[in-house]
Amino acid sequence: MKTARTLSVAAALVLCAALLQACGGGSSDAASGHAAAAAQRKAATTRWTPVASDTWQWQLQGKLNTSYDVKIYDIDLFNTDTATIQSLHNAGRKVVCYFSAGSSENWRPDFGQFKSTDMGNPLDPEWVGENWLDVRSDNVRSIMKQRLDLAVSKGCDGVEPDNVDGYINNSGFPLTAQDQIDYNTFLANEAHARNLAVALKNDLDQIAQLEPLFDLAVNEECNERNECDNYGAFTGDNKPVLNAEYADKYHTASEQATLCAAAHAANLRTLVLPKKLDDTYRFSCDAS
């Protein structure tokens, strides 16, 4: 039996060698061809690298206004179809797709995948039907992977996962700062694994730890709250900080002048927008 087994192994080795030779397995030309093809595939899927000077538009509700001459459009992942994203690409825009990574929203098509134990306290009285998520949950993370896959299938260049600071809010879960770091790191790594750029949304207290993992930042009201100095880590690495301000006072020329002077000094891309992000009002400090 031992001899027969040895002969069988020898015969198999001879056969494998013959097959490799017949198929050109030992050819340096074939190897270089495979390498070139692999390089082409990699080049075709290189992740977009945004820069600090990139201008933007942010609209999550209403009929999308695609007329702004900006580099980045930040739009809703679920509500925007592939054709619209392609048309923005054709116009030279990069597309960042928004979804909430830290809350469930009962109007989303994948809401039924959340377990009751995944959902905690209501997020905000303004947003009925939205609840904080337990970011430690494997099920929550599985759903977020599916959302990232959806972003890839639609042609998004990057993603904006929202509500990634549940640990400092009344979420209904005993979330720690380390829980949030772990979750936000998970989101960044999963986005990058799909060649998506990823934005850090707010979560200012953890910028020092998280900035190296994120490609850009999206901020709400750092001027109004006197928090914009926190973003030096991003702008210092030539990463854009996309800032939105909502206060009505910024609808006046004098306040806009003050706001934009601060934005330019800090190298922020600042917009004044309605809180509903429906394009009913827009002012840009970059005049675009």
Protein backbone atom coordinates (compact mmCIF):
# COMPACT_ATOMS: atom_id res chain seq x y z
CA MET A 1 0.00 0.00 0.00
CA LYS A 2 2.82 2.39 0.82
CA THR A 3 4.50 1.73 -2.58
CA ALA A 4 1.26 2.25 -4.46
CA ARG A 5 0.65 5.54 -2.65
CA THR A 6 4.19 6.71 -3.48
CA LEU A 7 3.72 5.86 -7.15
CA SER A 8 0.40 7.69 -7.22
CA VAL A 9 1.99 10.83 -5.78
CA ALA A 10 4.82 10.65 -8.30
CA ALA A 11 2.38 10.25 -11.16
CA ALA A 12 0.37 13.22 -9.93
CA LEU A 13 3.47 15.39 -9.80
CA VAL A 14 4.39 14.45 -13.36
CA LEU A 15 0.87 15.23 -14.54
CA CYS A 16 0.86 18.63 -12.76
CA ALA A 17 4.22 19.53 -14.35
CA ALA A 18 2.91 18.59 -17.78
CA LEU A 19 -0.19 20.66 -17.32
CA LEU A 20 1.79 23.70 -16.18
CA GLN A 21 4.06 23.46 -19.20
CA ALA A 22 1.14 23.04 -21.58
CA CYS A 23 -0.60 26.07 -20.12
CA GLY A 24 2.55 28.20 -20.11
CA GLY A 25 2.65 28.13 -16.29
CA GLY A 26 6.40 28.60 -16.30
CA SER A 27 6.39 31.43 -18.81
CA SER A 28 7.73 34.77 -17.62
CA ASP A 29 5.61 36.47 -20.30
CA ALA A 30 2.44 34.93 -18.84
CA ALA A 31 3.46 35.96 -15.32
CA SER A 32 4.12 39.52 -16.39
CA GLY A 33 0.80 39.55 -18.21
CA HIS A 34 -1.05 38.50 -15.08
CA ALA A 35 0.81 41.15 -13.07
CA ALA A 36 -0.08 43.85 -15.59
CA ALA A 37 -3.74 42.83 -15.52
CA ALA A 38 -3.73 42.92 -11.72
CA ALA A 39 -2.16 46.37 -11.75
CA GLN A 40 -4.81 47.60 -14.19
CA ARG A 41 -7.58 46.26 -11.99
CA LYS A 42 -6.06 47.97 -8.95
CA ALA A 43 -5.63 51.25 -10.81
CA ALA A 44 -9.26 51.11 -11.90
CA THR A 45 -10.42 50.85 -8.31
CA THR A 46 -8.02 53.26 -6.62
CA ARG A 47 -9.69 55.02 -3.71
CA TRP A 48 -10.47 58.69 -4.20
CA THR A 49 -8.31 61.01 -2.09
CA PRO A 50 -10.12 64.27 -1.29
CA VAL A 51 -8.11 67.41 -0.52
CA ALA A 52 -8.74 70.33 1.82
CA SER A 53 -9.70 72.73 -0.99
CA ASP A 54 -12.54 70.54 -2.29
CA THR A 55 -15.83 72.46 -2.30
CA TRP A 56 -19.14 70.79 -1.62
CA GLN A 57 -22.91 70.67 -1.64
CA TRP A 58 -24.98 68.83 0.96
CA GLN A 59 -28.59 67.89 0.22
CA LEU A 60 -30.44 64.97 1.77
CA GLN A 61 -34.07 65.89 1.10
CA GLY A 62 -36.13 67.21 -1.80
CA LYS A 63 -35.43 67.07 -5.53
CA LEU A 64 -31.67 67.09 -5.89
CA ASN A 65 -30.23 70.29 -7.32
CA THR A 66 -27.27 69.16 -9.43
CA SER A 67 -26.37 72.62 -10.76
CA TYR A 68 -23.75 73.66 -8.18
CA ASP A 69 -20.19 73.93 -9.46
CA VAL A 70 -18.53 72.05 -6.61
CA LYS A 71 -16.17 69.10 -6.28
CA ILE A 72 -18.21 67.01 -3.81
CA TYR A 73 -21.90 66.20 -3.63
CA ASP A 74 -22.96 64.71 -0.28
CA ILE A 75 -26.31 63.00 -0.88
CA ASP A 76 -28.56 60.32 0.58
CA LEU A 77 -27.48 56.73 -0.10
CA PHE A 78 -30.98 55.28 -0.22
CA ASN A 79 -32.85 58.08 -1.97
CA THR A 80 -30.40 58.65 -4.82
CA ASP A 81 -30.45 56.35 -7.81
CA THR A 82 -27.45 55.11 -9.78
CA ALA A 83 -28.32 57.23 -12.81
CA THR A 84 -28.16 60.44 -10.74
CA ILE A 85 -24.79 59.47 -9.32
CA GLN A 86 -23.52 58.71 -12.81
CA SER A 87 -24.73 62.09 -14.06
CA LEU A 88 -22.83 63.79 -11.25
CA HIS A 89 -19.72 61.83 -12.22
CA ASN A 90 -20.20 62.90 -15.82
CA ALA A 91 -20.21 66.51 -14.60
CA GLY A 92 -16.89 65.97 -12.83
CA ARG A 93 -18.29 65.62 -9.31
CA LYS A 94 -17.31 63.18 -6.58
CA VAL A 95 -20.21 61.64 -4.69
CA VAL A 96 -20.30 61.00 -0.94
CA CYS A 97 -23.27 58.89 0.11
CA TYR A 98 -24.90 59.59 3.46
CA PHE A 99 -26.37 56.96 5.77
CA SER A 100 -26.86 56.76 9.51
CA ALA A 101 -24.47 54.29 11.10
CA GLY A 102 -25.46 55.04 14.68
CA SER A 103 -29.24 55.11 14.51
CA SER A 104 -32.11 53.10 13.08
CA GLU A 105 -34.61 54.97 10.91
CA ASN A 106 -37.97 53.27 10.52
CA TRP A 107 -38.43 54.60 6.97
CA ARG A 108 -35.33 52.89 5.56
CA PRO A 109 -35.81 49.74 3.44
CA ASP A 110 -33.50 47.64 5.63
CA PHE A 111 -35.07 48.73 8.94
CA GLY A 112 -36.62 45.27 9.46
CA GLN A 113 -33.17 43.73 9.79
CA PHE A 114 -32.54 45.47 13.12
CA LYS A 115 -33.35 43.48 16.23
CA SER A 116 -35.30 45.08 19.07
CA THR A 117 -32.19 44.69 21.23
CA ASP A 118 -30.18 46.73 18.71
CA MET A 119 -32.32 49.82 19.22
CA GLY A 120 -32.18 52.16 22.19
CA ASN A 121 -33.54 55.58 23.07
CA PRO A 122 -35.03 57.99 20.53
CA LEU A 123 -32.34 60.06 18.86
CA ASP A 124 -34.07 63.43 18.88
CA PRO A 125 -37.69 64.63 19.12
CA GLU A 126 -37.19 66.31 15.72
CA TRP A 127 -36.52 62.98 14.04
CA VAL A 128 -39.51 60.77 14.84
CA GLY A 129 -38.88 57.08 14.20
CA GLU A 130 -35.12 57.27 14.75
CA ASN A 131 -33.38 55.46 17.63
CA TRP A 132 -29.81 55.07 18.77
CA LEU A 133 -28.14 51.77 17.90
CA ASP A 134 -25.98 49.49 20.01
CA VAL A 135 -22.76 49.82 18.05
CA ARG A 136 -21.33 46.76 19.82
CA SER A 137 -23.90 44.54 18.08
CA ASP A 138 -22.67 42.10 15.42
CA ASN A 139 -26.04 42.41 13.70
CA VAL A 140 -25.72 46.20 13.48
CA ARG A 141 -22.27 45.81 11.96
CA SER A 142 -23.56 43.29 9.43
CA ILE A 143 -26.23 45.77 8.30
CA MET A 144 -23.62 48.51 7.94
CA LYS A 145 -21.51 46.24 5.73
CA GLN A 146 -24.55 45.78 3.51
CA ARG A 147 -25.00 49.54 3.32
CA LEU A 148 -21.37 49.95 2.28
CA ASP A 149 -21.91 47.30 -0.38
CA LEU A 150 -24.91 49.29 -1.60
CA ALA A 151 -22.72 52.40 -1.82
CA VAL A 152 -20.27 50.49 -4.00
CA SER A 153 -23.04 49.13 -6.24
CA LYS A 154 -24.42 52.63 -6.80
CA GLY A 155 -21.02 54.08 -7.68
CA CYS A 156 -20.44 56.27 -4.62
CA ASP A 157 -16.88 57.58 -4.23
CA GLY A 158 -17.17 57.89 -0.47
CA VAL A 159 -19.56 57.60 2.44
CA GLU A 160 -20.71 59.75 5.34
CA PRO A 161 -21.75 57.50 8.26
CA ASP A 162 -23.79 59.69 10.61
CA ASN A 163 -24.45 59.57 14.36
CA VAL A 164 -21.11 58.05 15.31
CA ASP A 165 -20.92 59.68 18.74
CA GLY A 166 -23.58 57.75 20.64
CA TYR A 167 -21.25 57.27 23.59
CA ILE A 168 -21.66 60.93 24.62
CA ASN A 169 -25.44 60.86 24.15
CA ASN A 170 -28.34 59.29 26.04
CA SER A 171 -28.38 56.25 23.78
CA GLY A 172 -29.91 53.78 26.20
CA PHE A 173 -26.75 51.67 26.10
CA PRO A 174 -23.67 51.76 28.37
CA LEU A 175 -21.40 52.76 25.50
CA THR A 176 -17.86 53.78 26.35
CA ALA A 177 -15.40 55.97 24.47
CA GLN A 178 -13.53 52.81 23.49
CA ASP A 179 -16.73 51.24 22.15
CA GLN A 180 -17.10 54.25 19.86
CA ILE A 181 -13.46 54.15 18.77
CA ASP A 182 -13.85 50.46 17.94
CA TYR A 183 -17.02 51.04 15.93
CA ASN A 184 -15.76 54.06 14.04
CA THR A 185 -12.54 52.17 13.25
CA PHE A 186 -14.66 49.29 11.96
CA LEU A 187 -16.59 51.68 9.67
CA ALA A 188 -13.39 53.25 8.31
CA ASN A 189 -11.72 49.90 7.67
CA GLU A 190 -14.79 48.42 6.00
CA ALA A 191 -15.18 51.48 3.77
CA HIS A 192 -11.54 51.37 2.75
CA ALA A 193 -11.76 47.64 2.06
CA ARG A 194 -14.33 48.60 -0.60
CA ASN A 195 -12.18 51.47 -1.96
CA LEU A 196 -14.57 54.06 -0.53
CA ALA A 197 -13.35 57.27 1.06
CA VAL A 198 -14.97 57.80 4.47
CA ALA A 199 -15.92 60.92 6.40
CA LEU A 200 -15.81 61.34 10.16
CA LYS A 201 -19.08 63.00 11.16
CA ASN A 202 -18.77 65.26 14.22
CA ASP A 203 -17.34 63.15 17.14
CA LEU A 204 -14.93 65.98 17.87
CA ASP A 205 -13.59 64.50 21.13
CA GLN A 206 -12.06 61.57 19.26
CA ILE A 207 -10.51 63.38 16.31
CA ALA A 208 -6.95 62.84 17.54
CA GLN A 209 -7.40 59.06 17.53
CA LEU A 210 -9.59 58.78 14.43
CA GLU A 211 -8.25 61.34 11.96
CA PRO A 212 -5.54 59.01 10.61
CA LEU A 213 -8.28 56.52 9.62
CA PHE A 214 -10.62 58.97 7.88
CA ASP A 215 -10.28 60.81 4.57
CA LEU A 216 -12.39 63.87 5.33
CA ALA A 217 -14.63 65.31 8.02
CA VAL A 218 -18.23 66.53 7.97
CA ASN A 219 -19.14 68.91 10.75
CA GLU A 220 -22.30 70.61 11.93
CA GLU A 221 -22.10 74.04 13.56
CA CYS A 222 -18.52 74.13 14.80
CA ASN A 223 -18.55 77.91 14.32
CA GLU A 224 -21.74 78.34 16.31
CA ARG A 225 -20.33 76.13 19.07
CA ASN A 226 -16.78 77.53 18.92
CA GLU A 227 -15.31 74.08 18.15
CA CYS A 228 -13.67 74.51 14.74
CA ASP A 229 -10.14 74.58 16.17
CA ASN A 230 -10.47 70.83 16.73
CA TYR A 231 -10.17 70.19 13.00
CA GLY A 232 -6.55 71.24 12.59
CA ALA A 233 -5.58 67.56 12.47
CA PHE A 234 -7.60 67.14 9.27
CA THR A 235 -6.64 70.35 7.49
CA GLY A 236 -3.02 69.87 8.54
CA ASP A 237 -3.05 66.61 6.57
CA ASN A 238 -4.73 68.33 3.59
CA LYS A 239 -8.04 66.60 4.26
CA PRO A 240 -11.25 68.59 3.73
CA VAL A 241 -13.43 69.70 6.62
CA LEU A 242 -16.94 70.17 5.25
CA ASN A 243 -18.75 72.46 7.67
CA ALA A 244 -22.47 73.31 7.71
CA GLU A 245 -23.97 76.10 9.82
CA TYR A 246 -27.71 76.35 10.43
CA ALA A 247 -28.26 79.49 12.55
CA ASP A 248 -30.53 82.11 10.98
CA LYS A 249 -28.07 84.87 11.94
CA TYR A 250 -25.80 83.63 9.13
CA HIS A 251 -28.40 84.75 6.60
CA THR A 252 -27.20 88.36 6.99
CA ALA A 253 -24.28 89.83 5.05
CA SER A 254 -22.40 91.04 8.13
CA GLU A 255 -22.57 87.68 9.89
CA GLN A 256 -21.64 85.88 6.69
CA ALA A 257 -18.55 88.06 6.33
CA THR A 258 -17.44 87.21 9.86
CA LEU A 259 -18.23 83.54 9.37
CA CYS A 260 -16.31 83.30 6.11
CA ALA A 261 -13.27 85.13 7.48
CA ALA A 262 -13.06 82.48 10.19
CA ALA A 263 -13.66 79.66 7.72
CA HIS A 264 -10.93 80.85 5.38
CA ALA A 265 -8.47 81.28 8.25
CA ALA A 266 -9.14 77.71 9.38
CA ASN A 267 -9.24 76.31 5.81
CA LEU A 268 -12.80 75.00 6.24
CA ARG A 269 -15.34 74.57 3.47
CA THR A 270 -18.30 76.30 5.11
CA LEU A 271 -21.91 76.37 3.95
CA VAL A 272 -24.98 77.95 5.53
CA LEU A 273 -27.88 75.56 5.03
CA PRO A 274 -31.37 74.78 6.36
CA LYS A 275 -31.29 72.06 9.00
CA LYS A 276 -33.54 69.87 6.86
CA LEU A 277 -30.86 69.95 4.15
CA ASP A 278 -33.45 70.38 1.44
CA ASP A 279 -31.74 73.12 -0.64
CA THR A 280 -34.31 75.77 0.25
CA TYR A 281 -31.43 78.06 1.28
CA ARG A 282 -27.71 77.94 0.53
CA PHE A 283 -24.78 80.26 1.10
CA SER A 284 -21.19 79.23 0.49
CA CYS A 285 -18.08 80.88 1.85
CA ASP A 286 -16.32 79.52 -1.24
CA ALA A 287 -18.76 81.23 -3.62
CA SER A 288 -19.53 77.95 -5.35
